[in-house]
Amino acid sequence: MLLRRKNRFEMMRNVLTDAKLTSFVIVLIPERVPVLETVELYADLRETGVDVGGFVVNRLSPTDAGDFLASRRVQEDHHVQSLRAELPRVPIDTVPLLATDLVGRDALRQLAQQLS
């Protein structure tokens, strides 16, 4: 039984560390602590041989919905820029703050269109 588990874990590790088969996309929100945690997670994944294909920065505030959200967006853009500066070779996509939760296939299709 232990040998079967060992073989299974080795197979799993081989899949996770083969960039042709697996690439992680780290999703984060544009705030200071999540950016710091993302940089650390990226380093940990790379150290273990796991490919990171990119980042998705989720819930960017609109710039045209009042002063409060516009000022939040300035701060969020600063955090995205610090992520870009820390890991300049990793692609970053962004998703705006949405009015509703993403639920269902249609919502996921819309998100996929935004990201492509």
N, C-alpha and C. Protein backbone atom coordinates (compact mmCIF):
# COMPACT_ATOMS: atom_id res chain seq x y z
N MET A 1 0.82 -1.19 0.00
CA MET A 1 0.00 0.00 0.00
C MET A 1 0.87 1.27 0.00
N LEU A 2 1.91 1.28 0.82
CA LEU A 2 2.79 2.44 0.86
C LEU A 2 3.50 2.65 -0.46
N LEU A 3 3.88 1.58 -1.11
CA LEU A 3 4.54 1.68 -2.40
C LEU A 3 3.58 2.25 -3.45
N ARG A 4 2.32 1.84 -3.41
CA ARG A 4 1.34 2.39 -4.34
C ARG A 4 1.16 3.88 -4.12
N ARG A 5 1.10 4.29 -2.88
CA ARG A 5 0.98 5.73 -2.57
C ARG A 5 2.20 6.49 -3.04
N LYS A 6 3.35 5.94 -2.79
CA LYS A 6 4.60 6.59 -3.22
C LYS A 6 4.59 6.78 -4.74
N ASN A 7 4.22 5.75 -5.46
CA ASN A 7 4.16 5.83 -6.92
C ASN A 7 3.13 6.86 -7.39
N ARG A 8 2.01 6.88 -6.70
CA ARG A 8 0.96 7.84 -7.05
C ARG A 8 1.43 9.28 -6.82
N PHE A 9 2.10 9.52 -5.69
CA PHE A 9 2.61 10.85 -5.41
C PHE A 9 3.70 11.25 -6.40
N GLU A 10 4.53 10.32 -6.79
CA GLU A 10 5.56 10.62 -7.78
C GLU A 10 4.93 10.98 -9.12
N MET A 11 3.91 10.23 -9.52
CA MET A 11 3.22 10.53 -10.76
C MET A 11 2.58 11.92 -10.70
N MET A 12 1.97 12.21 -9.58
CA MET A 12 1.33 13.51 -9.38
C MET A 12 2.36 14.63 -9.45
N ARG A 13 3.49 14.44 -8.80
CA ARG A 13 4.55 15.44 -8.84
C ARG A 13 5.06 15.63 -10.27
N ASN A 14 5.20 14.55 -11.00
CA ASN A 14 5.65 14.64 -12.40
C ASN A 14 4.68 15.45 -13.24
N VAL A 15 3.40 15.26 -13.02
CA VAL A 15 2.39 16.02 -13.76
C VAL A 15 2.45 17.50 -13.38
N LEU A 16 2.53 17.78 -12.08
CA LEU A 16 2.53 19.17 -11.62
C LEU A 16 3.79 19.93 -12.02
N THR A 17 4.89 19.24 -12.20
CA THR A 17 6.14 19.92 -12.52
C THR A 17 6.48 19.86 -14.02
N ASP A 18 5.59 19.31 -14.82
CA ASP A 18 5.80 19.28 -16.27
C ASP A 18 5.05 20.45 -16.89
N ALA A 19 5.79 21.47 -17.31
CA ALA A 19 5.18 22.70 -17.84
C ALA A 19 4.37 22.44 -19.11
N LYS A 20 4.62 21.33 -19.78
CA LYS A 20 3.82 20.99 -20.97
C LYS A 20 2.42 20.52 -20.57
N LEU A 21 2.28 20.04 -19.34
CA LEU A 21 1.00 19.52 -18.87
C LEU A 21 0.28 20.46 -17.91
N THR A 22 1.05 21.17 -17.09
CA THR A 22 0.45 21.95 -16.01
C THR A 22 1.10 23.31 -15.88
N SER A 23 0.27 24.32 -15.73
CA SER A 23 0.75 25.65 -15.43
C SER A 23 -0.27 26.30 -14.50
N PHE A 24 0.20 26.88 -13.44
CA PHE A 24 -0.68 27.53 -12.49
C PHE A 24 -0.90 28.98 -12.88
N VAL A 25 -2.10 29.46 -12.64
CA VAL A 25 -2.42 30.87 -12.76
C VAL A 25 -2.85 31.32 -11.37
N ILE A 26 -2.14 32.30 -10.86
CA ILE A 26 -2.42 32.79 -9.51
C ILE A 26 -3.40 33.96 -9.62
N VAL A 27 -4.51 33.86 -8.89
CA VAL A 27 -5.53 34.91 -8.88
C VAL A 27 -5.40 35.67 -7.57
N LEU A 28 -5.42 37.00 -7.69
CA LEU A 28 -5.26 37.83 -6.50
C LEU A 28 -6.07 39.10 -6.65
N ILE A 29 -6.26 39.79 -5.56
CA ILE A 29 -6.89 41.11 -5.60
C ILE A 29 -5.79 42.17 -5.48
N PRO A 30 -6.03 43.36 -6.00
CA PRO A 30 -4.98 44.38 -6.06
C PRO A 30 -4.81 45.15 -4.76
N GLU A 31 -4.31 44.45 -3.76
CA GLU A 31 -4.02 45.07 -2.48
C GLU A 31 -2.63 44.66 -2.05
N ARG A 32 -2.07 45.40 -1.12
CA ARG A 32 -0.68 45.21 -0.70
C ARG A 32 -0.36 43.80 -0.24
N VAL A 33 -1.11 43.29 0.72
CA VAL A 33 -0.80 41.96 1.29
C VAL A 33 -0.99 40.85 0.24
N PRO A 34 -2.07 40.83 -0.50
CA PRO A 34 -2.18 39.79 -1.54
C PRO A 34 -1.05 39.83 -2.57
N VAL A 35 -0.58 41.01 -2.91
CA VAL A 35 0.55 41.10 -3.85
C VAL A 35 1.80 40.50 -3.21
N LEU A 36 2.07 40.84 -1.96
CA LEU A 36 3.24 40.27 -1.27
C LEU A 36 3.13 38.75 -1.17
N GLU A 37 1.93 38.26 -0.85
CA GLU A 37 1.73 36.82 -0.75
C GLU A 37 1.89 36.14 -2.11
N THR A 38 1.47 36.82 -3.17
CA THR A 38 1.59 36.27 -4.51
C THR A 38 3.05 36.14 -4.92
N VAL A 39 3.84 37.13 -4.62
CA VAL A 39 5.28 37.07 -4.92
C VAL A 39 5.91 35.89 -4.19
N GLU A 40 5.54 35.70 -2.95
CA GLU A 40 6.06 34.59 -2.16
C GLU A 40 5.58 33.24 -2.70
N LEU A 41 4.30 33.15 -3.04
CA LEU A 41 3.76 31.91 -3.61
C LEU A 41 4.43 31.58 -4.93
N TYR A 42 4.64 32.60 -5.77
CA TYR A 42 5.33 32.39 -7.04
C TYR A 42 6.71 31.78 -6.80
N ALA A 43 7.46 32.35 -5.87
CA ALA A 43 8.80 31.83 -5.57
C ALA A 43 8.73 30.39 -5.06
N ASP A 44 7.77 30.11 -4.19
CA ASP A 44 7.63 28.75 -3.66
C ASP A 44 7.29 27.75 -4.76
N LEU A 45 6.37 28.11 -5.64
CA LEU A 45 6.01 27.21 -6.74
C LEU A 45 7.18 26.97 -7.68
N ARG A 46 7.87 28.02 -8.03
CA ARG A 46 9.02 27.89 -8.93
C ARG A 46 10.11 27.05 -8.29
N GLU A 47 10.32 27.23 -7.00
CA GLU A 47 11.34 26.45 -6.28
C GLU A 47 11.04 24.96 -6.31
N THR A 48 9.77 24.61 -6.31
CA THR A 48 9.39 23.20 -6.35
C THR A 48 9.23 22.68 -7.78
N GLY A 49 9.53 23.53 -8.76
CA GLY A 49 9.49 23.10 -10.16
C GLY A 49 8.14 23.26 -10.83
N VAL A 50 7.23 23.99 -10.23
CA VAL A 50 5.91 24.19 -10.80
C VAL A 50 5.91 25.46 -11.64
N ASP A 51 5.42 25.35 -12.87
CA ASP A 51 5.35 26.50 -13.77
C ASP A 51 4.20 27.41 -13.36
N VAL A 52 4.45 28.71 -13.40
CA VAL A 52 3.40 29.70 -13.17
C VAL A 52 3.22 30.43 -14.49
N GLY A 53 2.04 30.26 -15.08
CA GLY A 53 1.77 30.84 -16.39
C GLY A 53 1.38 32.29 -16.35
N GLY A 54 0.96 32.78 -15.22
CA GLY A 54 0.58 34.18 -15.14
C GLY A 54 -0.23 34.48 -13.90
N PHE A 55 -0.67 35.73 -13.86
CA PHE A 55 -1.49 36.21 -12.75
C PHE A 55 -2.78 36.80 -13.31
N VAL A 56 -3.84 36.68 -12.54
CA VAL A 56 -5.08 37.38 -12.83
C VAL A 56 -5.37 38.26 -11.62
N VAL A 57 -5.37 39.56 -11.85
CA VAL A 57 -5.71 40.51 -10.79
C VAL A 57 -7.20 40.78 -10.91
N ASN A 58 -7.91 40.39 -9.87
CA ASN A 58 -9.37 40.38 -9.88
C ASN A 58 -9.93 41.59 -9.13
N ARG A 59 -11.07 42.06 -9.55
CA ARG A 59 -11.86 43.10 -8.87
C ARG A 59 -11.21 44.48 -8.89
N LEU A 60 -10.72 44.90 -10.05
CA LEU A 60 -10.21 46.27 -10.16
C LEU A 60 -11.38 47.26 -10.13
N SER A 61 -11.29 48.25 -9.29
CA SER A 61 -12.35 49.25 -9.15
C SER A 61 -12.49 50.07 -10.43
N PRO A 62 -13.70 50.49 -10.73
CA PRO A 62 -13.90 51.35 -11.90
C PRO A 62 -13.36 52.75 -11.62
N THR A 63 -12.96 53.43 -12.67
CA THR A 63 -12.44 54.79 -12.51
C THR A 63 -13.53 55.85 -12.71
N ASP A 64 -14.69 55.41 -13.19
CA ASP A 64 -15.75 56.37 -13.55
C ASP A 64 -17.01 56.20 -12.70
N ALA A 65 -16.85 55.76 -11.46
CA ALA A 65 -18.02 55.52 -10.61
C ALA A 65 -17.90 56.27 -9.29
N GLY A 66 -17.40 57.47 -9.35
CA GLY A 66 -17.29 58.28 -8.15
C GLY A 66 -15.86 58.39 -7.65
N ASP A 67 -15.65 59.40 -6.82
CA ASP A 67 -14.32 59.70 -6.31
C ASP A 67 -13.73 58.59 -5.46
N PHE A 68 -14.57 57.97 -4.64
CA PHE A 68 -14.06 56.93 -3.75
C PHE A 68 -13.45 55.78 -4.55
N LEU A 69 -14.21 55.24 -5.51
CA LEU A 69 -13.70 54.12 -6.30
C LEU A 69 -12.56 54.54 -7.21
N ALA A 70 -12.60 55.77 -7.70
CA ALA A 70 -11.48 56.25 -8.52
C ALA A 70 -10.20 56.32 -7.72
N SER A 71 -10.29 56.77 -6.46
CA SER A 71 -9.08 56.83 -5.64
C SER A 71 -8.62 55.42 -5.25
N ARG A 72 -9.56 54.50 -5.03
CA ARG A 72 -9.18 53.10 -4.79
C ARG A 72 -8.42 52.55 -5.99
N ARG A 73 -8.89 52.90 -7.18
CA ARG A 73 -8.27 52.40 -8.41
C ARG A 73 -6.83 52.89 -8.54
N VAL A 74 -6.57 54.11 -8.17
CA VAL A 74 -5.20 54.63 -8.20
C VAL A 74 -4.32 53.77 -7.30
N GLN A 75 -4.80 53.47 -6.13
CA GLN A 75 -4.06 52.63 -5.19
C GLN A 75 -3.89 51.21 -5.75
N GLU A 76 -4.95 50.66 -6.33
CA GLU A 76 -4.89 49.31 -6.91
C GLU A 76 -3.89 49.26 -8.06
N ASP A 77 -3.90 50.28 -8.91
CA ASP A 77 -2.94 50.33 -10.02
C ASP A 77 -1.51 50.34 -9.51
N HIS A 78 -1.29 51.04 -8.41
CA HIS A 78 0.04 51.05 -7.78
C HIS A 78 0.45 49.63 -7.37
N HIS A 79 -0.47 48.89 -6.79
CA HIS A 79 -0.16 47.52 -6.36
C HIS A 79 0.10 46.60 -7.56
N VAL A 80 -0.65 46.78 -8.63
CA VAL A 80 -0.42 45.99 -9.85
C VAL A 80 0.96 46.33 -10.42
N GLN A 81 1.31 47.59 -10.40
CA GLN A 81 2.63 48.00 -10.90
C GLN A 81 3.75 47.41 -10.04
N SER A 82 3.54 47.33 -8.74
CA SER A 82 4.58 46.75 -7.89
C SER A 82 4.73 45.25 -8.19
N LEU A 83 3.63 44.57 -8.50
CA LEU A 83 3.70 43.17 -8.91
C LEU A 83 4.47 43.03 -10.22
N ARG A 84 4.18 43.91 -11.17
CA ARG A 84 4.90 43.90 -12.46
C ARG A 84 6.39 44.16 -12.25
N ALA A 85 6.72 45.06 -11.35
CA ALA A 85 8.12 45.38 -11.10
C ALA A 85 8.84 44.20 -10.44
N GLU A 86 8.15 43.52 -9.56
CA GLU A 86 8.74 42.39 -8.83
C GLU A 86 8.94 41.18 -9.74
N LEU A 87 7.98 40.94 -10.64
CA LEU A 87 8.02 39.77 -11.53
C LEU A 87 7.69 40.20 -12.96
N PRO A 88 8.61 40.91 -13.59
CA PRO A 88 8.31 41.55 -14.88
C PRO A 88 8.07 40.59 -16.04
N ARG A 89 8.52 39.37 -15.96
CA ARG A 89 8.37 38.44 -17.08
C ARG A 89 7.10 37.60 -17.03
N VAL A 90 6.33 37.76 -15.97
CA VAL A 90 5.12 36.95 -15.80
C VAL A 90 3.92 37.75 -16.32
N PRO A 91 3.14 37.17 -17.24
CA PRO A 91 1.97 37.88 -17.77
C PRO A 91 0.94 38.17 -16.68
N ILE A 92 0.32 39.34 -16.80
CA ILE A 92 -0.73 39.74 -15.86
C ILE A 92 -1.96 40.13 -16.65
N ASP A 93 -3.09 39.50 -16.32
CA ASP A 93 -4.39 39.91 -16.84
C ASP A 93 -5.17 40.54 -15.71
N THR A 94 -6.12 41.38 -16.06
CA THR A 94 -6.94 42.02 -15.04
C THR A 94 -8.42 41.80 -15.33
N VAL A 95 -9.18 41.78 -14.27
CA VAL A 95 -10.63 41.65 -14.36
C VAL A 95 -11.24 42.77 -13.52
N PRO A 96 -12.19 43.50 -14.10
CA PRO A 96 -12.80 44.58 -13.33
C PRO A 96 -13.71 44.07 -12.23
N LEU A 97 -13.97 44.93 -11.26
CA LEU A 97 -14.96 44.65 -10.24
C LEU A 97 -16.30 44.50 -10.93
N LEU A 98 -16.97 43.38 -10.71
CA LEU A 98 -18.25 43.12 -11.37
C LEU A 98 -19.40 43.41 -10.41
N ALA A 99 -20.54 43.71 -10.97
CA ALA A 99 -21.71 44.04 -10.16
C ALA A 99 -22.27 42.83 -9.44
N THR A 100 -22.04 41.65 -10.02
CA THR A 100 -22.58 40.42 -9.43
C THR A 100 -21.52 39.35 -9.39
N ASP A 101 -21.80 38.29 -8.66
CA ASP A 101 -20.91 37.14 -8.61
C ASP A 101 -20.92 36.41 -9.94
N LEU A 102 -19.79 35.77 -10.26
CA LEU A 102 -19.73 34.93 -11.45
C LEU A 102 -20.35 33.57 -11.13
N VAL A 103 -21.52 33.34 -11.68
CA VAL A 103 -22.21 32.08 -11.42
C VAL A 103 -22.75 31.56 -12.75
N GLY A 104 -22.41 30.32 -13.04
CA GLY A 104 -22.95 29.68 -14.23
C GLY A 104 -22.04 29.77 -15.44
N ARG A 105 -22.41 29.00 -16.45
CA ARG A 105 -21.59 28.92 -17.67
C ARG A 105 -21.52 30.23 -18.43
N ASP A 106 -22.65 30.90 -18.54
CA ASP A 106 -22.65 32.17 -19.29
C ASP A 106 -21.72 33.19 -18.66
N ALA A 107 -21.75 33.27 -17.35
CA ALA A 107 -20.86 34.21 -16.65
C ALA A 107 -19.40 33.83 -16.87
N LEU A 108 -19.10 32.54 -16.83
CA LEU A 108 -17.72 32.10 -17.07
C LEU A 108 -17.29 32.37 -18.51
N ARG A 109 -18.21 32.21 -19.45
CA ARG A 109 -17.88 32.54 -20.85
C ARG A 109 -17.55 34.03 -20.99
N GLN A 110 -18.32 34.86 -20.34
CA GLN A 110 -18.05 36.31 -20.39
C GLN A 110 -16.67 36.62 -19.79
N LEU A 111 -16.35 35.98 -18.70
CA LEU A 111 -15.04 36.18 -18.09
C LEU A 111 -13.94 35.70 -19.03
N ALA A 112 -14.13 34.56 -19.64
CA ALA A 112 -13.14 34.04 -20.59
C ALA A 112 -12.94 35.01 -21.75
N GLN A 113 -14.01 35.63 -22.22
CA GLN A 113 -13.87 36.62 -23.30
C GLN A 113 -13.06 37.83 -22.84
N GLN A 114 -13.27 38.26 -21.61
CA GLN A 114 -12.50 39.38 -21.09
C GLN A 114 -11.02 39.06 -20.99
N LEU A 115 -10.71 37.81 -20.65
CA LEU A 115 -9.32 37.43 -20.46
C LEU A 115 -8.60 37.11 -21.77
N SER A 116 -9.36 36.84 -22.84
CA SER A 116 -8.69 36.48 -24.09
C SER A 116 -8.52 37.64 -25.03
